Amino acid sequence: MAEETKDPPIFTLFNEIGIIEQLSRQRLERVLPEGLKISHFSVLNHFARLGGERAPTDLARAFQVTKAAMTNTLGRLETRGLVAIRPDPNDGRAKRVALTARGRKLRDRAIAALGPELAEITAHIPAQDFAAALPFLQRLRAYLDEARNPV
């Protein structure tokens, strides 16, 4: 039997969040269409939620990854026609990224593919439990987002 620890609740919370992230990533990535990775889906979803164009550096900051990692992700998405990358009209050295219609459709297909997985989870854990957890998690995310260090 595992030994009980008296870790502070905040540590236990972040540990649980980390484990949930790993388990959910693996579970959800299995059903994403066209071999889509969670990191790629996350970028498509970001654009679908917020619209408009973004600079790669802004995306790297939003996702807390290096500019090189984001450039790699965007390159893969562009090769598949899921995002469009164009020069920034105000800065010849900079780029602007936008979601394409194909990217929007694949994101929507991904959401549909996730439906059965999410339904299976809510068959075991009531939707109201998720709703009850959201205000706290959103406050925590907002604080961490505001207080983060730039990459």
N, C-alpha and C. Protein backbone atom coordinates (compact mmCIF):
# COMPACT_ATOMS: atom_id res chain seq x y z
N MET A 1 0.85 -1.18 0.00
CA MET A 1 0.00 0.00 0.00
C MET A 1 0.89 1.24 0.00
N ALA A 2 0.52 2.25 -0.79
CA ALA A 2 1.32 3.47 -0.90
C ALA A 2 1.29 4.24 0.42
N GLU A 3 2.41 4.84 0.72
CA GLU A 3 2.52 5.63 1.95
C GLU A 3 1.81 6.97 1.75
N GLU A 4 1.02 7.38 2.73
CA GLU A 4 0.33 8.66 2.68
C GLU A 4 1.34 9.78 2.89
N THR A 5 1.24 10.82 2.07
CA THR A 5 2.11 11.99 2.26
C THR A 5 1.25 13.15 2.71
N LYS A 6 1.89 14.10 3.31
CA LYS A 6 1.19 15.30 3.78
C LYS A 6 1.64 16.50 2.94
N ASP A 7 1.63 16.31 1.64
CA ASP A 7 2.01 17.40 0.75
C ASP A 7 0.99 18.53 0.87
N PRO A 8 1.44 19.77 0.65
CA PRO A 8 0.50 20.89 0.68
C PRO A 8 -0.56 20.71 -0.42
N PRO A 9 -1.78 21.13 -0.16
CA PRO A 9 -2.85 20.98 -1.16
C PRO A 9 -2.50 21.57 -2.52
N ILE A 10 -1.79 22.70 -2.54
CA ILE A 10 -1.46 23.30 -3.84
C ILE A 10 -0.54 22.39 -4.64
N PHE A 11 0.40 21.71 -3.97
CA PHE A 11 1.27 20.76 -4.67
C PHE A 11 0.45 19.59 -5.20
N THR A 12 -0.43 19.06 -4.36
CA THR A 12 -1.26 17.93 -4.77
C THR A 12 -2.15 18.33 -5.95
N LEU A 13 -2.70 19.54 -5.91
CA LEU A 13 -3.53 20.02 -7.01
C LEU A 13 -2.74 20.05 -8.32
N PHE A 14 -1.55 20.67 -8.29
CA PHE A 14 -0.75 20.75 -9.52
C PHE A 14 -0.29 19.37 -9.97
N ASN A 15 -0.02 18.48 -9.05
CA ASN A 15 0.33 17.11 -9.41
C ASN A 15 -0.84 16.44 -10.13
N GLU A 16 -2.05 16.60 -9.58
CA GLU A 16 -3.24 16.03 -10.21
C GLU A 16 -3.47 16.62 -11.60
N ILE A 17 -3.31 17.94 -11.73
CA ILE A 17 -3.48 18.59 -13.03
C ILE A 17 -2.48 18.02 -14.04
N GLY A 18 -1.24 17.82 -13.61
CA GLY A 18 -0.23 17.26 -14.50
C GLY A 18 -0.57 15.85 -14.95
N ILE A 19 -1.03 15.03 -14.03
CA ILE A 19 -1.40 13.66 -14.37
C ILE A 19 -2.62 13.66 -15.30
N ILE A 20 -3.60 14.50 -15.00
CA ILE A 20 -4.78 14.61 -15.85
C ILE A 20 -4.38 15.05 -17.25
N GLU A 21 -3.46 16.00 -17.35
CA GLU A 21 -3.01 16.47 -18.66
C GLU A 21 -2.39 15.32 -19.46
N GLN A 22 -1.53 14.54 -18.83
CA GLN A 22 -0.89 13.42 -19.52
C GLN A 22 -1.91 12.38 -19.97
N LEU A 23 -2.81 12.00 -19.08
CA LEU A 23 -3.81 10.99 -19.41
C LEU A 23 -4.78 11.47 -20.48
N SER A 24 -5.23 12.71 -20.36
CA SER A 24 -6.19 13.22 -21.34
C SER A 24 -5.53 13.45 -22.69
N ARG A 25 -4.29 13.92 -22.71
CA ARG A 25 -3.57 14.12 -23.97
C ARG A 25 -3.49 12.79 -24.74
N GLN A 26 -3.07 11.75 -24.06
CA GLN A 26 -2.93 10.44 -24.71
C GLN A 26 -4.28 9.94 -25.21
N ARG A 27 -5.28 10.07 -24.38
CA ARG A 27 -6.62 9.58 -24.73
C ARG A 27 -7.22 10.34 -25.91
N LEU A 28 -7.09 11.66 -25.88
CA LEU A 28 -7.70 12.47 -26.92
C LEU A 28 -6.91 12.41 -28.22
N GLU A 29 -5.59 12.34 -28.13
CA GLU A 29 -4.77 12.31 -29.35
C GLU A 29 -5.05 11.06 -30.18
N ARG A 30 -5.45 9.98 -29.52
CA ARG A 30 -5.79 8.73 -30.23
C ARG A 30 -6.91 8.91 -31.24
N VAL A 31 -7.85 9.82 -30.96
CA VAL A 31 -9.04 9.93 -31.80
C VAL A 31 -9.02 11.16 -32.72
N LEU A 32 -7.99 11.97 -32.64
CA LEU A 32 -7.93 13.15 -33.51
C LEU A 32 -7.78 12.71 -34.96
N PRO A 33 -8.47 13.39 -35.89
CA PRO A 33 -8.43 12.98 -37.30
C PRO A 33 -7.09 13.31 -37.97
N GLU A 34 -6.80 12.57 -39.02
CA GLU A 34 -5.65 12.82 -39.89
C GLU A 34 -4.33 12.89 -39.14
N GLY A 35 -4.18 12.12 -38.07
CA GLY A 35 -2.92 12.11 -37.33
C GLY A 35 -2.59 13.42 -36.64
N LEU A 36 -3.60 14.24 -36.42
CA LEU A 36 -3.41 15.54 -35.76
C LEU A 36 -2.87 15.33 -34.35
N LYS A 37 -1.87 16.10 -33.98
CA LYS A 37 -1.31 16.07 -32.63
C LYS A 37 -2.03 17.11 -31.78
N ILE A 38 -2.01 16.91 -30.48
CA ILE A 38 -2.65 17.87 -29.57
C ILE A 38 -2.05 19.27 -29.76
N SER A 39 -0.73 19.35 -29.91
CA SER A 39 -0.09 20.66 -30.08
C SER A 39 -0.61 21.36 -31.33
N HIS A 40 -0.86 20.60 -32.40
CA HIS A 40 -1.38 21.19 -33.63
C HIS A 40 -2.85 21.57 -33.45
N PHE A 41 -3.62 20.67 -32.84
CA PHE A 41 -5.02 20.97 -32.57
C PHE A 41 -5.15 22.22 -31.70
N SER A 42 -4.27 22.36 -30.71
CA SER A 42 -4.33 23.51 -29.80
C SER A 42 -4.16 24.82 -30.56
N VAL A 43 -3.26 24.85 -31.54
CA VAL A 43 -3.07 26.07 -32.33
C VAL A 43 -4.31 26.33 -33.18
N LEU A 44 -4.83 25.30 -33.83
CA LEU A 44 -6.05 25.48 -34.63
C LEU A 44 -7.20 25.97 -33.76
N ASN A 45 -7.34 25.39 -32.58
CA ASN A 45 -8.41 25.77 -31.67
C ASN A 45 -8.23 27.21 -31.18
N HIS A 46 -7.00 27.60 -30.93
CA HIS A 46 -6.69 28.97 -30.50
C HIS A 46 -7.22 29.97 -31.54
N PHE A 47 -6.90 29.72 -32.80
CA PHE A 47 -7.37 30.61 -33.87
C PHE A 47 -8.89 30.55 -34.02
N ALA A 48 -9.47 29.37 -33.91
CA ALA A 48 -10.92 29.24 -34.05
C ALA A 48 -11.65 30.01 -32.95
N ARG A 49 -11.09 30.00 -31.75
CA ARG A 49 -11.72 30.71 -30.62
C ARG A 49 -11.55 32.21 -30.73
N LEU A 50 -10.34 32.66 -31.10
CA LEU A 50 -10.01 34.08 -31.03
C LEU A 50 -10.09 34.80 -32.37
N GLY A 51 -10.00 34.04 -33.47
CA GLY A 51 -10.04 34.66 -34.79
C GLY A 51 -8.82 35.51 -35.08
N GLY A 52 -8.83 36.15 -36.22
CA GLY A 52 -7.78 37.08 -36.60
C GLY A 52 -6.45 36.44 -36.93
N GLU A 53 -5.44 37.28 -36.96
CA GLU A 53 -4.07 36.86 -37.24
C GLU A 53 -3.22 37.03 -36.00
N ARG A 54 -2.12 36.30 -35.96
CA ARG A 54 -1.18 36.40 -34.84
C ARG A 54 0.24 36.32 -35.40
N ALA A 55 1.16 36.92 -34.68
CA ALA A 55 2.58 36.77 -34.98
C ALA A 55 3.06 35.47 -34.33
N PRO A 56 4.00 34.76 -34.97
CA PRO A 56 4.53 33.54 -34.35
C PRO A 56 5.06 33.77 -32.93
N THR A 57 5.68 34.93 -32.70
CA THR A 57 6.19 35.20 -31.35
C THR A 57 5.06 35.31 -30.34
N ASP A 58 3.93 35.89 -30.75
CA ASP A 58 2.78 35.98 -29.84
C ASP A 58 2.21 34.60 -29.54
N LEU A 59 2.18 33.74 -30.55
CA LEU A 59 1.71 32.37 -30.34
C LEU A 59 2.65 31.61 -29.42
N ALA A 60 3.95 31.78 -29.62
CA ALA A 60 4.93 31.11 -28.75
C ALA A 60 4.72 31.54 -27.30
N ARG A 61 4.50 32.81 -27.10
CA ARG A 61 4.27 33.33 -25.75
C ARG A 61 2.97 32.76 -25.18
N ALA A 62 1.92 32.73 -25.98
CA ALA A 62 0.62 32.22 -25.52
C ALA A 62 0.70 30.75 -25.12
N PHE A 63 1.50 29.98 -25.85
CA PHE A 63 1.60 28.54 -25.58
C PHE A 63 2.79 28.18 -24.70
N GLN A 64 3.55 29.20 -24.28
CA GLN A 64 4.70 28.98 -23.40
C GLN A 64 5.69 27.98 -24.01
N VAL A 65 6.00 28.19 -25.29
CA VAL A 65 7.02 27.39 -25.97
C VAL A 65 8.02 28.35 -26.60
N THR A 66 9.13 27.82 -27.04
CA THR A 66 10.13 28.67 -27.69
C THR A 66 9.61 29.09 -29.07
N LYS A 67 10.19 30.17 -29.58
CA LYS A 67 9.83 30.62 -30.93
C LYS A 67 10.16 29.53 -31.94
N ALA A 68 11.28 28.82 -31.75
CA ALA A 68 11.66 27.75 -32.67
C ALA A 68 10.63 26.62 -32.66
N ALA A 69 10.15 26.25 -31.48
CA ALA A 69 9.13 25.19 -31.39
C ALA A 69 7.85 25.62 -32.09
N MET A 70 7.44 26.87 -31.89
CA MET A 70 6.22 27.35 -32.54
C MET A 70 6.42 27.44 -34.04
N THR A 71 7.58 27.90 -34.48
CA THR A 71 7.87 27.97 -35.92
C THR A 71 7.77 26.59 -36.55
N ASN A 72 8.27 25.57 -35.86
CA ASN A 72 8.18 24.20 -36.34
C ASN A 72 6.72 23.75 -36.46
N THR A 73 5.94 24.00 -35.42
CA THR A 73 4.51 23.64 -35.43
C THR A 73 3.79 24.35 -36.56
N LEU A 74 4.03 25.65 -36.70
CA LEU A 74 3.36 26.43 -37.75
C LEU A 74 3.77 25.95 -39.13
N GLY A 75 5.03 25.58 -39.29
CA GLY A 75 5.49 25.06 -40.58
C GLY A 75 4.77 23.78 -40.96
N ARG A 76 4.58 22.90 -39.99
CA ARG A 76 3.86 21.65 -40.24
C ARG A 76 2.39 21.94 -40.60
N LEU A 77 1.79 22.88 -39.88
CA LEU A 77 0.40 23.23 -40.17
C LEU A 77 0.27 23.90 -41.54
N GLU A 78 1.23 24.74 -41.88
CA GLU A 78 1.19 25.42 -43.18
C GLU A 78 1.36 24.41 -44.32
N THR A 79 2.26 23.44 -44.16
CA THR A 79 2.47 22.41 -45.18
C THR A 79 1.18 21.66 -45.47
N ARG A 80 0.37 21.48 -44.45
CA ARG A 80 -0.91 20.76 -44.60
C ARG A 80 -2.05 21.69 -45.03
N GLY A 81 -1.76 22.98 -45.21
CA GLY A 81 -2.78 23.93 -45.63
C GLY A 81 -3.75 24.32 -44.53
N LEU A 82 -3.33 24.16 -43.27
CA LEU A 82 -4.22 24.42 -42.14
C LEU A 82 -4.09 25.85 -41.61
N VAL A 83 -2.94 26.47 -41.84
CA VAL A 83 -2.74 27.88 -41.53
C VAL A 83 -2.06 28.53 -42.73
N ALA A 84 -2.22 29.83 -42.83
CA ALA A 84 -1.53 30.61 -43.86
C ALA A 84 -0.56 31.54 -43.16
N ILE A 85 0.66 31.58 -43.65
CA ILE A 85 1.69 32.47 -43.09
C ILE A 85 2.06 33.46 -44.18
N ARG A 86 2.01 34.74 -43.83
CA ARG A 86 2.34 35.78 -44.81
C ARG A 86 3.24 36.82 -44.14
N PRO A 87 3.94 37.60 -44.95
CA PRO A 87 4.77 38.66 -44.36
C PRO A 87 3.89 39.69 -43.66
N ASP A 88 4.42 40.25 -42.59
CA ASP A 88 3.74 41.34 -41.89
C ASP A 88 3.90 42.60 -42.73
N PRO A 89 2.81 43.26 -43.11
CA PRO A 89 2.92 44.45 -43.96
C PRO A 89 3.63 45.62 -43.27
N ASN A 90 3.69 45.60 -41.94
CA ASN A 90 4.32 46.69 -41.20
C ASN A 90 5.76 46.41 -40.82
N ASP A 91 6.21 45.16 -40.99
CA ASP A 91 7.57 44.79 -40.61
C ASP A 91 8.02 43.66 -41.53
N GLY A 92 8.88 43.97 -42.46
CA GLY A 92 9.33 43.00 -43.45
C GLY A 92 9.98 41.76 -42.87
N ARG A 93 10.48 41.84 -41.65
CA ARG A 93 11.13 40.68 -41.03
C ARG A 93 10.13 39.78 -40.32
N ALA A 94 8.96 40.30 -40.02
CA ALA A 94 7.98 39.55 -39.22
C ALA A 94 6.97 38.84 -40.11
N LYS A 95 6.24 37.91 -39.51
CA LYS A 95 5.21 37.13 -40.20
C LYS A 95 3.88 37.26 -39.46
N ARG A 96 2.82 36.97 -40.18
CA ARG A 96 1.47 36.92 -39.62
C ARG A 96 0.88 35.55 -39.98
N VAL A 97 0.16 34.96 -39.04
CA VAL A 97 -0.40 33.62 -39.21
C VAL A 97 -1.91 33.71 -39.04
N ALA A 98 -2.63 32.99 -39.89
CA ALA A 98 -4.09 32.93 -39.80
C ALA A 98 -4.56 31.51 -40.10
N LEU A 99 -5.70 31.18 -39.57
CA LEU A 99 -6.34 29.89 -39.81
C LEU A 99 -6.94 29.89 -41.22
N THR A 100 -6.77 28.80 -41.95
CA THR A 100 -7.40 28.66 -43.27
C THR A 100 -8.76 27.98 -43.10
N ALA A 101 -9.54 27.99 -44.17
CA ALA A 101 -10.83 27.29 -44.15
C ALA A 101 -10.61 25.80 -43.91
N ARG A 102 -9.55 25.24 -44.51
CA ARG A 102 -9.23 23.82 -44.29
C ARG A 102 -8.87 23.57 -42.83
N GLY A 103 -8.13 24.50 -42.22
CA GLY A 103 -7.78 24.38 -40.81
C GLY A 103 -9.01 24.44 -39.91
N ARG A 104 -9.93 25.32 -40.24
CA ARG A 104 -11.19 25.44 -39.48
C ARG A 104 -11.99 24.14 -39.58
N LYS A 105 -12.06 23.58 -40.78
CA LYS A 105 -12.83 22.34 -40.97
C LYS A 105 -12.19 21.18 -40.20
N LEU A 106 -10.86 21.09 -40.23
CA LEU A 106 -10.20 20.01 -39.51
C LEU A 106 -10.38 20.19 -38.00
N ARG A 107 -10.31 21.42 -37.53
CA ARG A 107 -10.56 21.69 -36.10
C ARG A 107 -11.97 21.26 -35.72
N ASP A 108 -12.95 21.57 -36.56
CA ASP A 108 -14.33 21.18 -36.29
C ASP A 108 -14.49 19.66 -36.31
N ARG A 109 -13.82 18.99 -37.24
CA ARG A 109 -13.84 17.52 -37.28
C ARG A 109 -13.20 16.95 -36.02
N ALA A 110 -12.14 17.59 -35.55
CA ALA A 110 -11.47 17.13 -34.33
C ALA A 110 -12.41 17.24 -33.14
N ILE A 111 -13.11 18.36 -33.03
CA ILE A 111 -14.08 18.54 -31.94
C ILE A 111 -15.13 17.42 -32.00
N ALA A 112 -15.62 17.14 -33.20
CA ALA A 112 -16.62 16.07 -33.36
C ALA A 112 -16.04 14.71 -32.97
N ALA A 113 -14.78 14.47 -33.33
CA ALA A 113 -14.13 13.19 -33.00
C ALA A 113 -13.94 13.04 -31.50
N LEU A 114 -13.76 14.15 -30.80
CA LEU A 114 -13.57 14.11 -29.36
C LEU A 114 -14.88 13.85 -28.62
N GLY A 115 -16.01 14.12 -29.28
CA GLY A 115 -17.31 13.99 -28.64
C GLY A 115 -17.55 12.68 -27.92
N PRO A 116 -17.36 11.53 -28.58
CA PRO A 116 -17.59 10.26 -27.89
C PRO A 116 -16.67 10.05 -26.69
N GLU A 117 -15.42 10.48 -26.79
CA GLU A 117 -14.49 10.35 -25.65
C GLU A 117 -14.99 11.18 -24.47
N LEU A 118 -15.40 12.41 -24.77
CA LEU A 118 -15.88 13.30 -23.71
C LEU A 118 -17.19 12.78 -23.12
N ALA A 119 -18.05 12.23 -23.97
CA ALA A 119 -19.32 11.67 -23.49
C ALA A 119 -19.07 10.48 -22.58
N GLU A 120 -18.08 9.67 -22.92
CA GLU A 120 -17.76 8.51 -22.09
C GLU A 120 -17.29 8.97 -20.70
N ILE A 121 -16.52 10.04 -20.66
CA ILE A 121 -16.05 10.57 -19.37
C ILE A 121 -17.23 11.11 -18.56
N THR A 122 -18.10 11.88 -19.23
CA THR A 122 -19.24 12.45 -18.49
C THR A 122 -20.28 11.40 -18.13
N ALA A 123 -20.19 10.21 -18.70
CA ALA A 123 -21.06 9.11 -18.26
C ALA A 123 -20.63 8.62 -16.89
N HIS A 124 -19.38 8.87 -16.52
CA HIS A 124 -18.86 8.41 -15.22
C HIS A 124 -18.70 9.55 -14.21
N ILE A 125 -18.53 10.75 -14.71
CA ILE A 125 -18.39 11.93 -13.85
C ILE A 125 -19.42 12.95 -14.35
N PRO A 126 -20.39 13.31 -13.53
CA PRO A 126 -21.47 14.19 -13.98
C PRO A 126 -20.96 15.54 -14.49
N ALA A 127 -21.64 16.04 -15.52
CA ALA A 127 -21.28 17.33 -16.12
C ALA A 127 -21.29 18.45 -15.09
N GLN A 128 -22.17 18.38 -14.09
CA GLN A 128 -22.23 19.45 -13.08
C GLN A 128 -20.95 19.49 -12.24
N ASP A 129 -20.25 18.36 -12.10
CA ASP A 129 -18.97 18.37 -11.39
C ASP A 129 -17.93 19.18 -12.17
N PHE A 130 -17.95 19.03 -13.50
CA PHE A 130 -17.04 19.83 -14.33
C PHE A 130 -17.41 21.30 -14.23
N ALA A 131 -18.70 21.60 -14.29
CA ALA A 131 -19.16 22.99 -14.20
C ALA A 131 -18.78 23.61 -12.86
N ALA A 132 -18.87 22.83 -11.79
CA ALA A 132 -18.53 23.34 -10.46
C ALA A 132 -17.03 23.63 -10.34
N ALA A 133 -16.20 22.86 -11.03
CA ALA A 133 -14.75 23.05 -10.95
C ALA A 133 -14.27 24.23 -11.79
N LEU A 134 -15.03 24.61 -12.81
CA LEU A 134 -14.57 25.62 -13.76
C LEU A 134 -14.24 26.98 -13.14
N PRO A 135 -15.07 27.57 -12.29
CA PRO A 135 -14.73 28.90 -11.77
C PRO A 135 -13.36 28.93 -11.08
N PHE A 136 -13.07 27.94 -10.26
CA PHE A 136 -11.77 27.88 -9.59
C PHE A 136 -10.65 27.72 -10.60
N LEU A 137 -10.80 26.77 -11.52
CA LEU A 137 -9.75 26.53 -12.51
C LEU A 137 -9.53 27.75 -13.41
N GLN A 138 -10.59 28.44 -13.76
CA GLN A 138 -10.45 29.64 -14.58
C GLN A 138 -9.74 30.76 -13.82
N ARG A 139 -10.02 30.90 -12.53
CA ARG A 139 -9.30 31.89 -11.71
C ARG A 139 -7.83 31.55 -11.62
N LEU A 140 -7.53 30.27 -11.40
CA LEU A 140 -6.15 29.82 -11.30
C LEU A 140 -5.42 30.07 -12.62
N ARG A 141 -6.05 29.71 -13.74
CA ARG A 141 -5.44 29.94 -15.05
C ARG A 141 -5.22 31.42 -15.30
N ALA A 142 -6.20 32.25 -14.97
CA ALA A 142 -6.06 33.69 -15.19
C ALA A 142 -4.89 34.25 -14.38
N TYR A 143 -4.76 33.81 -13.13
CA TYR A 143 -3.65 34.27 -12.31
C TYR A 143 -2.32 33.83 -12.92
N LEU A 144 -2.21 32.55 -13.24
CA LEU A 144 -0.95 32.03 -13.80
C LEU A 144 -0.62 32.69 -15.14
N ASP A 145 -1.64 32.97 -15.93
CA ASP A 145 -1.44 33.63 -17.21
C ASP A 145 -0.90 35.04 -17.00
N GLU A 146 -1.47 35.74 -16.05
CA GLU A 146 -1.05 37.12 -15.76
C GLU A 146 0.35 37.16 -15.16
N ALA A 147 0.69 36.17 -14.36
CA ALA A 147 1.95 36.18 -13.61
C ALA A 147 3.09 35.42 -14.31
N ARG A 148 2.84 34.90 -15.50
CA ARG A 148 3.88 34.07 -16.14
C ARG A 148 5.08 34.89 -16.59
N ASN A 149 6.18 34.18 -16.70
CA ASN A 149 7.40 34.78 -17.21
C ASN A 149 7.42 34.61 -18.72
N PRO A 150 7.85 35.64 -19.44
CA PRO A 150 7.92 35.49 -20.90
C PRO A 150 8.96 34.44 -21.28
N VAL A 151 8.67 33.73 -22.37
CA VAL A 151 9.61 32.70 -22.87
C VAL A 151 10.65 33.38 -23.72
